[in-house]
Amino acid sequence: MNQSFAHITLLVRDYDEAIAFYTKKLNFRLIDDIQLSTSKRWVRVRPPGRSDCSLLFAKAKNDAQKARIGDQTGGRVILFLHTDNFDRDYAHLQKQNIKIIKNAKITPHGKVAVFADLYGNLIDLVEPPS
C-alpha cells in the first residue's frame, strides 16, 4: 500500500493576504489559484524544495469557521516545516519580522524554533539531525 497526504487545509480570512504572506514572507510557491465561484477559490502553496504535500487555503465562510482562523489546533503547532539549513531560514524569518514564539534550540528531533503565521498559526521550523 502506498499512501501520502496531498493537501492540508488551512482556514484563512482572505485568499490574497494568505498568498502574500506565504509566498513573499516564507518564499513558498503558489501552485494553484483557480476561481471556483464568486466566493470560492482553489488556492494551494507549498514550500520550496521537494514536497508533494501543499497547503490548501480555505476562506472561512461562517462565524464558526472565522472563530477558528489561527486556532485550528487549539494553540498547538499545526505545521512542521523541515529545512536543510536552519540558520539560513531562521535568519530569514527574523529579517521578514515574522513573530518568533520559541527561539531556536537543539532537541532530540533536531534544531527547532516555533513561529507564527499571519493569523497566529504555530509552525515549527525544524532541521532534523543528520
N, C-alpha and C. Protein backbone atom coordinates (compact mmCIF):
# COMPACT_ATOMS: atom_id res chain seq x y z
N MET A 1 0.85 -1.18 0.00
CA MET A 1 0.00 0.00 0.00
C MET A 1 0.89 1.24 0.00
N ASN A 2 0.54 2.23 -0.82
CA ASN A 2 1.30 3.47 -0.91
C ASN A 2 0.33 4.63 -0.73
N GLN A 3 0.44 5.32 0.39
CA GLN A 3 -0.44 6.45 0.67
C GLN A 3 0.40 7.66 1.04
N SER A 4 -0.16 8.84 0.83
CA SER A 4 0.51 10.08 1.26
C SER A 4 -0.53 11.17 1.38
N PHE A 5 -0.21 12.20 2.16
CA PHE A 5 -1.07 13.36 2.24
C PHE A 5 -0.82 14.23 1.02
N ALA A 6 -1.87 14.77 0.44
CA ALA A 6 -1.75 15.62 -0.74
C ALA A 6 -1.88 17.09 -0.36
N HIS A 7 -2.87 17.43 0.49
CA HIS A 7 -3.12 18.81 0.88
C HIS A 7 -3.49 18.86 2.36
N ILE A 8 -3.17 19.97 2.98
CA ILE A 8 -3.60 20.26 4.34
C ILE A 8 -4.40 21.55 4.27
N THR A 9 -5.63 21.53 4.73
CA THR A 9 -6.48 22.72 4.68
C THR A 9 -6.10 23.68 5.79
N LEU A 10 -5.96 24.93 5.42
CA LEU A 10 -5.67 25.99 6.38
C LEU A 10 -6.73 27.07 6.21
N LEU A 11 -7.51 27.31 7.27
CA LEU A 11 -8.52 28.36 7.21
C LEU A 11 -7.84 29.72 7.13
N VAL A 12 -8.34 30.57 6.23
CA VAL A 12 -7.79 31.92 6.06
C VAL A 12 -8.93 32.93 6.05
N ARG A 13 -8.59 34.17 6.39
CA ARG A 13 -9.55 35.26 6.35
C ARG A 13 -9.73 35.77 4.93
N ASP A 14 -8.60 35.79 4.19
CA ASP A 14 -8.61 36.35 2.85
C ASP A 14 -7.57 35.60 2.01
N TYR A 15 -7.94 35.17 0.84
CA TYR A 15 -7.01 34.43 -0.02
C TYR A 15 -5.76 35.24 -0.34
N ASP A 16 -5.95 36.48 -0.77
CA ASP A 16 -4.80 37.27 -1.24
C ASP A 16 -3.81 37.59 -0.13
N GLU A 17 -4.30 37.89 1.08
CA GLU A 17 -3.36 38.18 2.16
C GLU A 17 -2.60 36.91 2.57
N ALA A 18 -3.26 35.76 2.51
CA ALA A 18 -2.58 34.50 2.83
C ALA A 18 -1.53 34.17 1.76
N ILE A 19 -1.90 34.36 0.49
CA ILE A 19 -0.93 34.14 -0.59
C ILE A 19 0.27 35.06 -0.41
N ALA A 20 0.03 36.32 -0.14
CA ALA A 20 1.13 37.29 0.02
C ALA A 20 2.05 36.88 1.16
N PHE A 21 1.50 36.49 2.30
CA PHE A 21 2.34 36.10 3.44
C PHE A 21 3.18 34.87 3.11
N TYR A 22 2.52 33.84 2.64
CA TYR A 22 3.24 32.58 2.42
C TYR A 22 4.23 32.66 1.25
N THR A 23 3.92 33.42 0.22
CA THR A 23 4.84 33.49 -0.93
C THR A 23 5.91 34.56 -0.75
N LYS A 24 5.55 35.71 -0.19
CA LYS A 24 6.52 36.80 -0.07
C LYS A 24 7.36 36.71 1.19
N LYS A 25 6.75 36.32 2.30
CA LYS A 25 7.47 36.25 3.57
C LYS A 25 8.16 34.90 3.80
N LEU A 26 7.50 33.81 3.39
CA LEU A 26 8.06 32.48 3.63
C LEU A 26 8.67 31.85 2.39
N ASN A 27 8.55 32.52 1.25
CA ASN A 27 9.11 32.03 -0.02
C ASN A 27 8.47 30.73 -0.51
N PHE A 28 7.22 30.48 -0.11
CA PHE A 28 6.50 29.33 -0.65
C PHE A 28 6.16 29.61 -2.11
N ARG A 29 5.85 28.57 -2.83
CA ARG A 29 5.47 28.70 -4.23
C ARG A 29 3.95 28.60 -4.37
N LEU A 30 3.39 29.47 -5.17
CA LEU A 30 1.96 29.41 -5.46
C LEU A 30 1.77 28.33 -6.53
N ILE A 31 1.02 27.29 -6.20
CA ILE A 31 0.81 26.16 -7.10
C ILE A 31 -0.46 26.36 -7.92
N ASP A 32 -1.54 26.75 -7.26
CA ASP A 32 -2.83 26.97 -7.94
C ASP A 32 -3.50 28.20 -7.35
N ASP A 33 -4.20 28.92 -8.18
CA ASP A 33 -5.13 29.96 -7.76
C ASP A 33 -6.23 30.00 -8.81
N ILE A 34 -7.25 29.19 -8.57
CA ILE A 34 -8.31 28.98 -9.55
C ILE A 34 -9.64 29.45 -8.95
N GLN A 35 -10.32 30.32 -9.65
CA GLN A 35 -11.64 30.81 -9.23
C GLN A 35 -12.66 29.71 -9.45
N LEU A 36 -13.34 29.28 -8.38
CA LEU A 36 -14.34 28.23 -8.48
C LEU A 36 -15.76 28.78 -8.49
N SER A 37 -15.95 29.90 -7.80
CA SER A 37 -17.25 30.58 -7.78
C SER A 37 -16.97 32.03 -7.42
N THR A 38 -18.02 32.80 -7.20
CA THR A 38 -17.79 34.21 -6.84
C THR A 38 -17.13 34.37 -5.49
N SER A 39 -17.24 33.36 -4.63
CA SER A 39 -16.67 33.47 -3.28
C SER A 39 -15.63 32.40 -2.94
N LYS A 40 -15.40 31.47 -3.85
CA LYS A 40 -14.51 30.35 -3.52
C LYS A 40 -13.43 30.19 -4.58
N ARG A 41 -12.19 29.98 -4.08
CA ARG A 41 -11.05 29.74 -4.96
C ARG A 41 -10.33 28.47 -4.50
N TRP A 42 -9.63 27.85 -5.42
CA TRP A 42 -8.76 26.69 -5.14
C TRP A 42 -7.35 27.26 -5.13
N VAL A 43 -6.82 27.48 -3.91
CA VAL A 43 -5.51 28.11 -3.76
C VAL A 43 -4.61 27.17 -2.98
N ARG A 44 -3.49 26.80 -3.63
CA ARG A 44 -2.51 25.93 -2.98
C ARG A 44 -1.13 26.57 -3.04
N VAL A 45 -0.39 26.42 -1.94
CA VAL A 45 1.01 26.84 -1.87
C VAL A 45 1.81 25.69 -1.27
N ARG A 46 3.11 25.70 -1.56
CA ARG A 46 3.98 24.71 -0.94
C ARG A 46 5.37 25.31 -0.77
N PRO A 47 6.11 24.79 0.20
CA PRO A 47 7.46 25.32 0.41
C PRO A 47 8.38 24.96 -0.74
N PRO A 48 9.47 25.72 -0.89
CA PRO A 48 10.42 25.37 -1.94
C PRO A 48 11.07 24.02 -1.62
N GLY A 49 11.54 23.36 -2.62
CA GLY A 49 12.16 22.05 -2.41
C GLY A 49 11.20 20.95 -2.81
N ARG A 50 11.58 19.74 -2.51
CA ARG A 50 10.76 18.60 -2.91
C ARG A 50 9.67 18.33 -1.87
N SER A 51 8.45 18.41 -2.32
CA SER A 51 7.31 18.16 -1.45
C SER A 51 6.09 17.88 -2.31
N ASP A 52 5.37 16.85 -1.99
CA ASP A 52 4.14 16.56 -2.69
C ASP A 52 2.94 17.15 -1.96
N CYS A 53 3.12 17.48 -0.69
CA CYS A 53 2.03 18.00 0.12
C CYS A 53 1.98 19.52 0.02
N SER A 54 0.79 20.06 -0.09
CA SER A 54 0.63 21.51 -0.19
C SER A 54 -0.39 21.99 0.84
N LEU A 55 -0.35 23.29 1.10
CA LEU A 55 -1.38 23.92 1.91
C LEU A 55 -2.50 24.36 0.98
N LEU A 56 -3.71 24.02 1.34
CA LEU A 56 -4.90 24.42 0.59
C LEU A 56 -5.62 25.46 1.43
N PHE A 57 -5.64 26.71 0.95
CA PHE A 57 -6.31 27.78 1.69
C PHE A 57 -7.82 27.65 1.53
N ALA A 58 -8.52 27.71 2.65
CA ALA A 58 -9.98 27.67 2.66
C ALA A 58 -10.46 28.95 3.34
N LYS A 59 -11.11 29.80 2.59
CA LYS A 59 -11.62 31.05 3.15
C LYS A 59 -12.80 30.74 4.07
N ALA A 60 -12.67 31.17 5.31
CA ALA A 60 -13.73 30.94 6.29
C ALA A 60 -15.01 31.61 5.82
N LYS A 61 -16.12 30.88 5.90
CA LYS A 61 -17.37 31.41 5.34
C LYS A 61 -18.47 31.63 6.36
N ASN A 62 -18.28 31.19 7.60
CA ASN A 62 -19.31 31.44 8.62
C ASN A 62 -18.62 31.76 9.95
N ASP A 63 -19.39 32.14 10.94
CA ASP A 63 -18.82 32.57 12.22
C ASP A 63 -18.01 31.47 12.89
N ALA A 64 -18.47 30.23 12.81
CA ALA A 64 -17.75 29.12 13.44
C ALA A 64 -16.37 28.94 12.80
N GLN A 65 -16.32 29.02 11.47
CA GLN A 65 -15.03 28.89 10.79
C GLN A 65 -14.15 30.11 11.05
N LYS A 66 -14.73 31.29 11.03
CA LYS A 66 -13.96 32.52 11.29
C LYS A 66 -13.33 32.48 12.68
N ALA A 67 -14.04 31.90 13.63
CA ALA A 67 -13.51 31.81 15.00
C ALA A 67 -12.31 30.87 15.08
N ARG A 68 -12.15 29.99 14.12
CA ARG A 68 -11.05 29.02 14.12
C ARG A 68 -9.81 29.49 13.35
N ILE A 69 -9.91 30.60 12.64
CA ILE A 69 -8.74 31.10 11.91
C ILE A 69 -7.61 31.34 12.90
N GLY A 70 -6.48 30.75 12.64
CA GLY A 70 -5.33 30.90 13.52
C GLY A 70 -5.34 30.00 14.73
N ASP A 71 -6.38 29.21 14.89
CA ASP A 71 -6.50 28.36 16.07
C ASP A 71 -7.17 27.03 15.74
N GLN A 72 -6.79 26.44 14.62
CA GLN A 72 -7.39 25.17 14.23
C GLN A 72 -6.96 24.02 15.12
N THR A 73 -5.88 24.21 15.87
CA THR A 73 -5.35 23.11 16.69
C THR A 73 -5.42 23.42 18.18
N GLY A 74 -6.19 24.44 18.56
CA GLY A 74 -6.32 24.76 19.98
C GLY A 74 -5.02 25.26 20.59
N GLY A 75 -4.21 25.95 19.81
CA GLY A 75 -2.97 26.52 20.31
C GLY A 75 -1.74 25.64 20.12
N ARG A 76 -1.91 24.49 19.53
CA ARG A 76 -0.78 23.59 19.25
C ARG A 76 -0.18 23.93 17.89
N VAL A 77 1.02 23.42 17.66
CA VAL A 77 1.66 23.59 16.35
C VAL A 77 0.82 22.88 15.30
N ILE A 78 0.60 23.54 14.18
CA ILE A 78 -0.21 22.96 13.10
C ILE A 78 0.66 22.38 12.00
N LEU A 79 1.84 22.96 11.76
CA LEU A 79 2.70 22.53 10.66
C LEU A 79 4.13 22.37 11.13
N PHE A 80 4.84 21.43 10.53
CA PHE A 80 6.25 21.21 10.81
C PHE A 80 7.00 21.39 9.49
N LEU A 81 7.74 22.50 9.40
CA LEU A 81 8.45 22.86 8.19
C LEU A 81 9.91 22.42 8.32
N HIS A 82 10.27 21.35 7.61
CA HIS A 82 11.65 20.85 7.65
C HIS A 82 12.52 21.67 6.71
N THR A 83 13.78 21.85 7.11
CA THR A 83 14.73 22.61 6.32
C THR A 83 16.08 21.90 6.30
N ASP A 84 16.86 22.18 5.27
CA ASP A 84 18.22 21.65 5.21
C ASP A 84 19.23 22.66 5.75
N ASN A 85 18.76 23.87 6.13
CA ASN A 85 19.66 24.90 6.66
C ASN A 85 18.87 25.77 7.63
N PHE A 86 18.85 25.35 8.88
CA PHE A 86 18.08 26.04 9.90
C PHE A 86 18.53 27.49 10.06
N ASP A 87 19.83 27.70 10.17
CA ASP A 87 20.34 29.05 10.44
C ASP A 87 19.95 30.03 9.34
N ARG A 88 20.03 29.62 8.10
CA ARG A 88 19.62 30.46 6.97
C ARG A 88 18.14 30.82 7.07
N ASP A 89 17.30 29.81 7.32
CA ASP A 89 15.86 30.04 7.32
C ASP A 89 15.40 30.79 8.57
N TYR A 90 16.04 30.55 9.70
CA TYR A 90 15.71 31.28 10.93
C TYR A 90 16.07 32.76 10.76
N ALA A 91 17.22 33.03 10.17
CA ALA A 91 17.62 34.42 9.91
C ALA A 91 16.63 35.09 8.95
N HIS A 92 16.14 34.33 7.97
CA HIS A 92 15.14 34.87 7.03
C HIS A 92 13.85 35.23 7.76
N LEU A 93 13.39 34.37 8.67
CA LEU A 93 12.19 34.68 9.44
C LEU A 93 12.36 35.98 10.20
N GLN A 94 13.53 36.13 10.84
CA GLN A 94 13.80 37.34 11.61
C GLN A 94 13.84 38.57 10.70
N LYS A 95 14.47 38.45 9.54
CA LYS A 95 14.57 39.55 8.59
C LYS A 95 13.19 39.97 8.09
N GLN A 96 12.28 39.02 7.96
CA GLN A 96 10.92 39.29 7.49
C GLN A 96 9.99 39.75 8.63
N ASN A 97 10.55 39.89 9.84
CA ASN A 97 9.77 40.30 11.01
C ASN A 97 8.63 39.34 11.32
N ILE A 98 8.90 38.06 11.09
CA ILE A 98 7.93 37.01 11.44
C ILE A 98 8.00 36.83 12.96
N LYS A 99 6.85 36.68 13.58
CA LYS A 99 6.80 36.54 15.04
C LYS A 99 7.37 35.19 15.46
N ILE A 100 8.48 35.23 16.20
CA ILE A 100 9.09 34.02 16.75
C ILE A 100 8.45 33.75 18.11
N ILE A 101 7.87 32.59 18.27
CA ILE A 101 7.19 32.23 19.51
C ILE A 101 8.16 31.55 20.48
N LYS A 102 8.98 30.64 19.96
CA LYS A 102 10.02 29.97 20.76
C LYS A 102 11.31 30.04 19.99
N ASN A 103 12.34 30.58 20.61
CA ASN A 103 13.64 30.74 19.96
C ASN A 103 14.28 29.39 19.66
N ALA A 104 15.28 29.45 18.81
CA ALA A 104 15.98 28.25 18.36
C ALA A 104 16.57 27.48 19.54
N LYS A 105 16.42 26.15 19.45
CA LYS A 105 17.06 25.28 20.45
C LYS A 105 17.32 23.92 19.82
N ILE A 106 18.21 23.20 20.43
CA ILE A 106 18.53 21.84 19.99
C ILE A 106 17.66 20.87 20.79
N THR A 107 16.99 19.96 20.07
CA THR A 107 16.14 18.95 20.69
C THR A 107 16.53 17.59 20.11
N PRO A 108 15.98 16.51 20.64
CA PRO A 108 16.24 15.20 20.03
C PRO A 108 15.78 15.12 18.57
N HIS A 109 14.82 15.99 18.19
CA HIS A 109 14.30 16.00 16.82
C HIS A 109 15.11 16.89 15.90
N GLY A 110 16.11 17.58 16.44
CA GLY A 110 16.93 18.48 15.64
C GLY A 110 16.89 19.90 16.18
N LYS A 111 17.33 20.82 15.36
CA LYS A 111 17.29 22.24 15.71
C LYS A 111 15.88 22.73 15.40
N VAL A 112 15.24 23.39 16.38
CA VAL A 112 13.83 23.74 16.27
C VAL A 112 13.58 25.15 16.77
N ALA A 113 12.67 25.86 16.10
CA ALA A 113 12.10 27.12 16.58
C ALA A 113 10.63 27.11 16.20
N VAL A 114 9.84 27.87 16.92
CA VAL A 114 8.41 27.98 16.62
C VAL A 114 8.11 29.42 16.21
N PHE A 115 7.42 29.58 15.10
CA PHE A 115 7.00 30.90 14.67
C PHE A 115 5.51 30.89 14.34
N ALA A 116 4.95 32.09 14.17
CA ALA A 116 3.52 32.22 13.87
C ALA A 116 3.34 32.78 12.48
N ASP A 117 2.30 32.29 11.80
CA ASP A 117 1.96 32.87 10.50
C ASP A 117 1.15 34.15 10.73
N LEU A 118 0.62 34.72 9.69
CA LEU A 118 -0.10 35.98 9.80
C LEU A 118 -1.35 35.89 10.65
N TYR A 119 -1.89 34.69 10.86
CA TYR A 119 -3.10 34.52 11.66
C TYR A 119 -2.81 34.03 13.07
N GLY A 120 -1.57 33.67 13.34
CA GLY A 120 -1.22 33.13 14.65
C GLY A 120 -1.07 31.63 14.68
N ASN A 121 -1.26 30.94 13.52
CA ASN A 121 -1.00 29.50 13.47
C ASN A 121 0.46 29.26 13.80
N LEU A 122 0.72 28.27 14.64
CA LEU A 122 2.09 27.97 15.04
C LEU A 122 2.72 26.96 14.09
N ILE A 123 3.95 27.26 13.71
CA ILE A 123 4.70 26.42 12.78
C ILE A 123 6.07 26.16 13.37
N ASP A 124 6.47 24.89 13.40
CA ASP A 124 7.83 24.52 13.80
C ASP A 124 8.74 24.58 12.59
N LEU A 125 9.86 25.29 12.72
CA LEU A 125 10.93 25.21 11.75
C LEU A 125 11.90 24.19 12.30
N VAL A 126 12.19 23.13 11.53
CA VAL A 126 12.98 22.02 12.05
C VAL A 126 14.08 21.64 11.05
N GLU A 127 15.30 21.55 11.56
CA GLU A 127 16.37 20.91 10.80
C GLU A 127 16.66 19.60 11.52
N PRO A 128 16.19 18.49 10.95
CA PRO A 128 16.40 17.19 11.61
C PRO A 128 17.88 16.90 11.77
N PRO A 129 18.22 16.11 12.78
CA PRO A 129 19.63 15.74 12.95
C PRO A 129 20.13 14.94 11.75
N SER A 130 21.39 15.14 11.43
CA SER A 130 21.93 14.41 10.26
C SER A 130 22.35 13.01 10.60
